[in-house]
Amino acid sequence: MNRLLGCIDDINVPELRRTGRMIDISVGAAFYQPSDTYSFETLYKQADKSGYVSKKQPGTHITYYDDTVLDY
């Protein structure tokens, strides 16, 4: 994730830089362990829920799914 964020910071959009603005991203991530038995659809929903949590934060934010990410 740090490498991704570094690449985003390296993007040069002159129109944004002139105004002092930057590109911000919201990321949701979920991990699948070898012992997990749930479907891809469940994993996708976990990451999607985490992404919506990130969007509520100002600026660039990453939320990793765990049991504290509640349904919306």
PDB file of N, CA and C in Angstrom:
ATOM      1  N   MET A   1       0.823  -1.187   0.000  1.00  0.00           N
ATOM      2  CA  MET A   1       0.000   0.000   0.000  1.00  0.00           C
ATOM      3  C   MET A   1       0.875   1.262   0.000  1.00  0.00           C
ATOM      4  N   ASN A   2       1.983   1.208   0.727  1.00  0.00           N
ATOM      5  CA  ASN A   2       2.866   2.379   0.736  1.00  0.00           C
ATOM      6  C   ASN A   2       3.412   2.681  -0.653  1.00  0.00           C
ATOM      7  N   ARG A   3       3.723   1.630  -1.413  1.00  0.00           N
ATOM      8  CA  ARG A   3       4.228   1.837  -2.771  1.00  0.00           C
ATOM      9  C   ARG A   3       3.132   2.443  -3.645  1.00  0.00           C
ATOM     10  N   LEU A   4       1.893   1.970  -3.503  1.00  0.00           N
ATOM     11  CA  LEU A   4       0.777   2.541  -4.250  1.00  0.00           C
ATOM     12  C   LEU A   4       0.605   4.017  -3.918  1.00  0.00           C
ATOM     13  N   LEU A   5       0.608   4.342  -2.634  1.00  0.00           N
ATOM     14  CA  LEU A   5       0.439   5.740  -2.229  1.00  0.00           C
ATOM     15  C   LEU A   5       1.578   6.610  -2.735  1.00  0.00           C
ATOM     16  N   GLY A   6       2.796   6.064  -2.742  1.00  0.00           N
ATOM     17  CA  GLY A   6       3.942   6.802  -3.278  1.00  0.00           C
ATOM     18  C   GLY A   6       3.769   7.091  -4.761  1.00  0.00           C
ATOM     19  N   CYS A   7       3.256   6.121  -5.508  1.00  0.00           N
ATOM     20  CA  CYS A   7       3.008   6.317  -6.946  1.00  0.00           C
ATOM     21  C   CYS A   7       1.939   7.375  -7.172  1.00  0.00           C
ATOM     22  N   ILE A   8       0.914   7.379  -6.355  1.00  0.00           N
ATOM     23  CA  ILE A   8      -0.144   8.396  -6.468  1.00  0.00           C
ATOM     24  C   ILE A   8       0.445   9.778  -6.201  1.00  0.00           C
ATOM     25  N   ASP A   9       1.293   9.896  -5.184  1.00  0.00           N
ATOM     26  CA  ASP A   9       1.931  11.178  -4.867  1.00  0.00           C
ATOM     27  C   ASP A   9       2.828  11.668  -5.998  1.00  0.00           C
ATOM     28  N   ASP A  10       3.393  10.740  -6.767  1.00  0.00           N
ATOM     29  CA  ASP A  10       4.290  11.104  -7.862  1.00  0.00           C
ATOM     30  C   ASP A  10       3.563  11.577  -9.116  1.00  0.00           C
ATOM     31  N   ILE A  11       2.260  11.384  -9.179  1.00  0.00           N
ATOM     32  CA  ILE A  11       1.504  11.836 -10.356  1.00  0.00           C
ATOM     33  C   ILE A  11       1.527  13.357 -10.390  1.00  0.00           C
ATOM     34  N   ASN A  12       1.933  13.885 -11.528  1.00  0.00           N
ATOM     35  CA  ASN A  12       2.042  15.332 -11.668  1.00  0.00           C
ATOM     36  C   ASN A  12       0.924  15.839 -12.568  1.00  0.00           C
ATOM     37  N   VAL A  13      -0.037  16.492 -11.969  1.00  0.00           N
ATOM     38  CA  VAL A  13      -1.115  17.150 -12.709  1.00  0.00           C
ATOM     39  C   VAL A  13      -0.928  18.648 -12.467  1.00  0.00           C
ATOM     40  N   PRO A  14      -0.334  19.344 -13.437  1.00  0.00           N
ATOM     41  CA  PRO A  14      -0.002  20.760 -13.223  1.00  0.00           C
ATOM     42  C   PRO A  14      -1.174  21.609 -12.742  1.00  0.00           C
ATOM     43  N   GLU A  15      -2.371  21.344 -13.265  1.00  0.00           N
ATOM     44  CA  GLU A  15      -3.534  22.141 -12.861  1.00  0.00           C
ATOM     45  C   GLU A  15      -3.825  21.982 -11.370  1.00  0.00           C
ATOM     46  N   LEU A  16      -3.615  20.779 -10.835  1.00  0.00           N
ATOM     47  CA  LEU A  16      -3.823  20.566  -9.404  1.00  0.00           C
ATOM     48  C   LEU A  16      -2.716  21.205  -8.588  1.00  0.00           C
ATOM     49  N   ARG A  17      -1.481  21.028  -9.009  1.00  0.00           N
ATOM     50  CA  ARG A  17      -0.339  21.574  -8.254  1.00  0.00           C
ATOM     51  C   ARG A  17      -0.422  23.097  -8.155  1.00  0.00           C
ATOM     52  N   ARG A  18      -0.869  23.752  -9.234  1.00  0.00           N
ATOM     53  CA  ARG A  18      -0.979  25.219  -9.208  1.00  0.00           C
ATOM     54  C   ARG A  18      -1.981  25.682  -8.159  1.00  0.00           C
ATOM     55  N   THR A  19      -2.989  24.878  -7.896  1.00  0.00           N
ATOM     56  CA  THR A  19      -4.008  25.265  -6.915  1.00  0.00           C
ATOM     57  C   THR A  19      -3.676  24.750  -5.516  1.00  0.00           C
ATOM     58  N   GLY A  20      -2.554  24.009  -5.398  1.00  0.00           N
ATOM     59  CA  GLY A  20      -2.167  23.469  -4.101  1.00  0.00           C
ATOM     60  C   GLY A  20      -2.939  22.214  -3.722  1.00  0.00           C
ATOM     61  N   ARG A  21      -3.691  21.665  -4.661  1.00  0.00           N
ATOM     62  CA  ARG A  21      -4.466  20.456  -4.382  1.00  0.00           C
ATOM     63  C   ARG A  21      -3.668  19.228  -4.772  1.00  0.00           C
ATOM     64  N   MET A  22      -4.045  18.094  -4.207  1.00  0.00           N
ATOM     65  CA  MET A  22      -3.385  16.835  -4.496  1.00  0.00           C
ATOM     66  C   MET A  22      -4.435  15.776  -4.803  1.00  0.00           C
ATOM     67  N   ILE A  23      -3.988  14.680  -5.377  1.00  0.00           N
ATOM     68  CA  ILE A  23      -4.873  13.548  -5.611  1.00  0.00           C
ATOM     69  C   ILE A  23      -4.986  12.766  -4.311  1.00  0.00           C
ATOM     70  N   ASP A  24      -6.195  12.536  -3.860  1.00  0.00           N
ATOM     71  CA  ASP A  24      -6.448  11.718  -2.674  1.00  0.00           C
ATOM     72  C   ASP A  24      -7.205  10.460  -3.120  1.00  0.00           C
ATOM     73  N   ILE A  25      -6.921   9.348  -2.464  1.00  0.00           N
ATOM     74  CA  ILE A  25      -7.628   8.110  -2.773  1.00  0.00           C
ATOM     75  C   ILE A  25      -8.161   7.480  -1.489  1.00  0.00           C
ATOM     76  N   SER A  26      -9.231   6.732  -1.652  1.00  0.00           N
ATOM     77  CA  SER A  26      -9.816   5.955  -0.561  1.00  0.00           C
ATOM     78  C   SER A  26      -9.716   4.494  -0.950  1.00  0.00           C
ATOM     79  N   VAL A  27      -9.157   3.683  -0.052  1.00  0.00           N
ATOM     80  CA  VAL A  27      -8.910   2.277  -0.354  1.00  0.00           C
ATOM     81  C   VAL A  27      -9.519   1.408   0.735  1.00  0.00           C
ATOM     82  N   GLY A  28     -10.159   0.340   0.307  1.00  0.00           N
ATOM     83  CA  GLY A  28     -10.634  -0.684   1.227  1.00  0.00           C
ATOM     84  C   GLY A  28      -9.950  -1.987   0.872  1.00  0.00           C
ATOM     85  N   ALA A  29      -9.459  -2.694   1.863  1.00  0.00           N
ATOM     86  CA  ALA A  29      -8.744  -3.946   1.610  1.00  0.00           C
ATOM     87  C   ALA A  29      -9.240  -5.037   2.539  1.00  0.00           C
ATOM     88  N   ALA A  30      -9.288  -6.240   2.010  1.00  0.00           N
ATOM     89  CA  ALA A  30      -9.645  -7.419   2.799  1.00  0.00           C
ATOM     90  C   ALA A  30      -8.661  -8.521   2.416  1.00  0.00           C
ATOM     91  N   PHE A  31      -8.346  -9.366   3.351  1.00  0.00           N
ATOM     92  CA  PHE A  31      -7.368 -10.416   3.116  1.00  0.00           C
ATOM     93  C   PHE A  31      -8.025 -11.782   3.217  1.00  0.00           C
ATOM     94  N   TYR A  32      -7.557 -12.686   2.394  1.00  0.00           N
ATOM     95  CA  TYR A  32      -8.057 -14.057   2.363  1.00  0.00           C
ATOM     96  C   TYR A  32      -6.925 -14.980   2.781  1.00  0.00           C
ATOM     97  N   GLN A  33      -7.114 -15.659   3.875  1.00  0.00           N
ATOM     98  CA  GLN A  33      -6.112 -16.586   4.380  1.00  0.00           C
ATOM     99  C   GLN A  33      -6.339 -17.980   3.784  1.00  0.00           C
ATOM    100  N   PRO A  34      -5.298 -18.779   3.654  1.00  0.00           N
ATOM    101  CA  PRO A  34      -5.461 -20.124   3.096  1.00  0.00           C
ATOM    102  C   PRO A  34      -6.506 -20.969   3.823  1.00  0.00           C
ATOM    103  N   SER A  35      -6.709 -20.725   5.095  1.00  0.00           N
ATOM    104  CA  SER A  35      -7.677 -21.503   5.863  1.00  0.00           C
ATOM    105  C   SER A  35      -9.110 -20.969   5.746  1.00  0.00           C
ATOM    106  N   ASP A  36      -9.315 -19.805   5.108  1.00  0.00           N
ATOM    107  CA  ASP A  36     -10.653 -19.236   4.964  1.00  0.00           C
ATOM    108  C   ASP A  36     -11.478 -20.052   3.976  1.00  0.00           C
ATOM    109  N   THR A  37     -12.774 -20.084   4.223  1.00  0.00           N
ATOM    110  CA  THR A  37     -13.659 -20.884   3.363  1.00  0.00           C
ATOM    111  C   THR A  37     -14.772 -20.061   2.718  1.00  0.00           C
ATOM    112  N   TYR A  38     -14.792 -18.759   2.928  1.00  0.00           N
ATOM    113  CA  TYR A  38     -15.867 -17.960   2.348  1.00  0.00           C
ATOM    114  C   TYR A  38     -15.577 -17.649   0.874  1.00  0.00           C
ATOM    115  N   SER A  39     -16.606 -17.172   0.185  1.00  0.00           N
ATOM    116  CA  SER A  39     -16.543 -16.972  -1.260  1.00  0.00           C
ATOM    117  C   SER A  39     -15.840 -15.674  -1.644  1.00  0.00           C
ATOM    118  N   PHE A  40     -15.524 -15.575  -2.939  1.00  0.00           N
ATOM    119  CA  PHE A  40     -14.969 -14.334  -3.466  1.00  0.00           C
ATOM    120  C   PHE A  40     -15.949 -13.188  -3.254  1.00  0.00           C
ATOM    121  N   GLU A  41     -17.227 -13.457  -3.427  1.00  0.00           N
ATOM    122  CA  GLU A  41     -18.247 -12.425  -3.239  1.00  0.00           C
ATOM    123  C   GLU A  41     -18.181 -11.842  -1.825  1.00  0.00           C
ATOM    124  N   THR A  42     -18.001 -12.686  -0.827  1.00  0.00           N
ATOM    125  CA  THR A  42     -17.877 -12.223   0.558  1.00  0.00           C
ATOM    126  C   THR A  42     -16.620 -11.378   0.728  1.00  0.00           C
ATOM    127  N   LEU A  43     -15.513 -11.830   0.166  1.00  0.00           N
ATOM    128  CA  LEU A  43     -14.259 -11.081   0.245  1.00  0.00           C
ATOM    129  C   LEU A  43     -14.421  -9.714  -0.417  1.00  0.00           C
ATOM    130  N   TYR A  44     -15.049  -9.694  -1.570  1.00  0.00           N
ATOM    131  CA  TYR A  44     -15.292  -8.449  -2.290  1.00  0.00           C
ATOM    132  C   TYR A  44     -16.136  -7.494  -1.454  1.00  0.00           C
ATOM    133  N   LYS A  45     -17.192  -8.008  -0.829  1.00  0.00           N
ATOM    134  CA  LYS A  45     -18.060  -7.174   0.006  1.00  0.00           C
ATOM    135  C   LYS A  45     -17.298  -6.605   1.200  1.00  0.00           C
ATOM    136  N   GLN A  46     -16.399  -7.401   1.770  1.00  0.00           N
ATOM    137  CA  GLN A  46     -15.587  -6.916   2.895  1.00  0.00           C
ATOM    138  C   GLN A  46     -14.706  -5.742   2.452  1.00  0.00           C
ATOM    139  N   ALA A  47     -14.068  -5.880   1.317  1.00  0.00           N
ATOM    140  CA  ALA A  47     -13.215  -4.805   0.809  1.00  0.00           C
ATOM    141  C   ALA A  47     -14.048  -3.582   0.455  1.00  0.00           C
ATOM    142  N   ASP A  48     -15.217  -3.801  -0.139  1.00  0.00           N
ATOM    143  CA  ASP A  48     -16.090  -2.694  -0.514  1.00  0.00           C
ATOM    144  C   ASP A  48     -16.555  -1.918   0.717  1.00  0.00           C
ATOM    145  N   LYS A  49     -16.966  -2.619   1.761  1.00  0.00           N
ATOM    146  CA  LYS A  49     -17.374  -1.955   3.008  1.00  0.00           C
ATOM    147  C   LYS A  49     -16.223  -1.136   3.584  1.00  0.00           C
ATOM    148  N   SER A  50     -15.027  -1.687   3.530  1.00  0.00           N
ATOM    149  CA  SER A  50     -13.853  -0.969   4.034  1.00  0.00           C
ATOM    150  C   SER A  50     -13.590   0.284   3.208  1.00  0.00           C
ATOM    151  N   GLY A  51     -13.804   0.197   1.907  1.00  0.00           N
ATOM    152  CA  GLY A  51     -13.634   1.368   1.041  1.00  0.00           C
ATOM    153  C   GLY A  51     -14.581   2.494   1.412  1.00  0.00           C
ATOM    154  N   TYR A  52     -15.829   2.145   1.741  1.00  0.00           N
ATOM    155  CA  TYR A  52     -16.787   3.177   2.148  1.00  0.00           C
ATOM    156  C   TYR A  52     -16.399   3.813   3.482  1.00  0.00           C
ATOM    157  N   VAL A  53     -15.787   3.043   4.366  1.00  0.00           N
ATOM    158  CA  VAL A  53     -15.287   3.625   5.622  1.00  0.00           C
ATOM    159  C   VAL A  53     -14.186   4.628   5.299  1.00  0.00           C
ATOM    160  N   SER A  54     -13.296   4.285   4.371  1.00  0.00           N
ATOM    161  CA  SER A  54     -12.210   5.184   3.980  1.00  0.00           C
ATOM    162  C   SER A  54     -12.729   6.475   3.367  1.00  0.00           C
ATOM    163  N   LYS A  55     -13.790   6.384   2.576  1.00  0.00           N
ATOM    164  CA  LYS A  55     -14.336   7.569   1.914  1.00  0.00           C
ATOM    165  C   LYS A  55     -14.871   8.592   2.907  1.00  0.00           C
ATOM    166  N   LYS A  56     -15.189   8.170   4.114  1.00  0.00           N
ATOM    167  CA  LYS A  56     -15.697   9.088   5.135  1.00  0.00           C
ATOM    168  C   LYS A  56     -14.573   9.907   5.781  1.00  0.00           C
ATOM    169  N   GLN A  57     -13.324   9.536   5.515  1.00  0.00           N
ATOM    170  CA  GLN A  57     -12.180  10.219   6.099  1.00  0.00           C
ATOM    171  C   GLN A  57     -11.643  11.263   5.120  1.00  0.00           C
ATOM    172  N   PRO A  58     -11.169  12.397   5.609  1.00  0.00           N
ATOM    173  CA  PRO A  58     -10.594  13.388   4.693  1.00  0.00           C
ATOM    174  C   PRO A  58      -9.232  12.914   4.168  1.00  0.00           C
ATOM    175  N   GLY A  59      -8.933  13.299   2.947  1.00  0.00           N
ATOM    176  CA  GLY A  59      -7.632  12.969   2.365  1.00  0.00           C
ATOM    177  C   GLY A  59      -7.527  11.505   1.992  1.00  0.00           C
ATOM    178  N   THR A  60      -6.302  11.062   1.811  1.00  0.00           N
ATOM    179  CA  THR A  60      -6.038   9.671   1.470  1.00  0.00           C
ATOM    180  C   THR A  60      -6.180   8.813   2.714  1.00  0.00           C
ATOM    181  N   HIS A  61      -6.910   7.699   2.556  1.00  0.00           N
ATOM    182  CA  HIS A  61      -7.126   6.840   3.715  1.00  0.00           C
ATOM    183  C   HIS A  61      -7.276   5.393   3.260  1.00  0.00           C
ATOM    184  N   ILE A  62      -6.715   4.466   4.031  1.00  0.00           N
ATOM    185  CA  ILE A  62      -6.824   3.041   3.767  1.00  0.00           C
ATOM    186  C   ILE A  62      -7.489   2.380   4.964  1.00  0.00           C
ATOM    187  N   THR A  63      -8.508   1.574   4.713  1.00  0.00           N
ATOM    188  CA  THR A  63      -9.159   0.807   5.764  1.00  0.00           C
ATOM    189  C   THR A  63      -9.016  -0.668   5.439  1.00  0.00           C
ATOM    190  N   TYR A  64      -8.481  -1.412   6.377  1.00  0.00           N
ATOM    191  CA  TYR A  64      -8.356  -2.857   6.249  1.00  0.00           C
ATOM    192  C   TYR A  64      -9.551  -3.493   6.941  1.00  0.00           C
ATOM    193  N   TYR A  65     -10.189  -4.438   6.279  1.00  0.00           N
ATOM    194  CA  TYR A  65     -11.369  -5.078   6.838  1.00  0.00           C
ATOM    195  C   TYR A  65     -11.014  -5.901   8.074  1.00  0.00           C
ATOM    196  N   ASP A  66     -11.832  -5.746   9.088  1.00  0.00           N
ATOM    197  CA  ASP A  66     -11.828  -6.652  10.247  1.00  0.00           C
ATOM    198  C   ASP A  66     -13.244  -6.645  10.802  1.00  0.00           C
ATOM    199  N   ASP A  67     -13.467  -7.285  11.895  1.00  0.00           N
ATOM    200  CA  ASP A  67     -14.825  -7.403  12.427  1.00  0.00           C
ATOM    201  C   ASP A  67     -15.415  -6.086  12.898  1.00  0.00           C
ATOM    202  N   THR A  68     -14.606  -5.019  12.990  1.00  0.00           N
ATOM    203  CA  THR A  68     -15.139  -3.737  13.450  1.00  0.00           C
ATOM    204  C   THR A  68     -15.740  -2.915  12.313  1.00  0.00           C
ATOM    205  N   VAL A  69     -15.540  -3.336  11.049  1.00  0.00           N
ATOM    206  CA  VAL A  69     -16.158  -2.643   9.924  1.00  0.00           C
ATOM    207  C   VAL A  69     -17.598  -3.120   9.864  1.00  0.00           C
ATOM    208  N   LEU A  70     -18.495  -2.217  10.188  1.00  0.00           N
ATOM    209  CA  LEU A  70     -19.902  -2.583  10.333  1.00  0.00           C
ATOM    210  C   LEU A  70     -20.654  -2.493   9.025  1.00  0.00           C
ATOM    211  N   ASP A  71     -21.771  -3.154   8.951  1.00  0.00           N
ATOM    212  CA  ASP A  71     -22.646  -3.042   7.782  1.00  0.00           C
ATOM    213  C   ASP A  71     -23.161  -1.616   7.680  1.00  0.00           C
ATOM    214  N   TYR A  72     -23.424  -1.187   6.482  1.00  0.00           N
ATOM    215  CA  TYR A  72     -23.968   0.159   6.255  1.00  0.00           C
ATOM    216  C   TYR A  72     -25.278   0.063   5.541  1.00  0.00           C
TER     217      TYR A  72
END
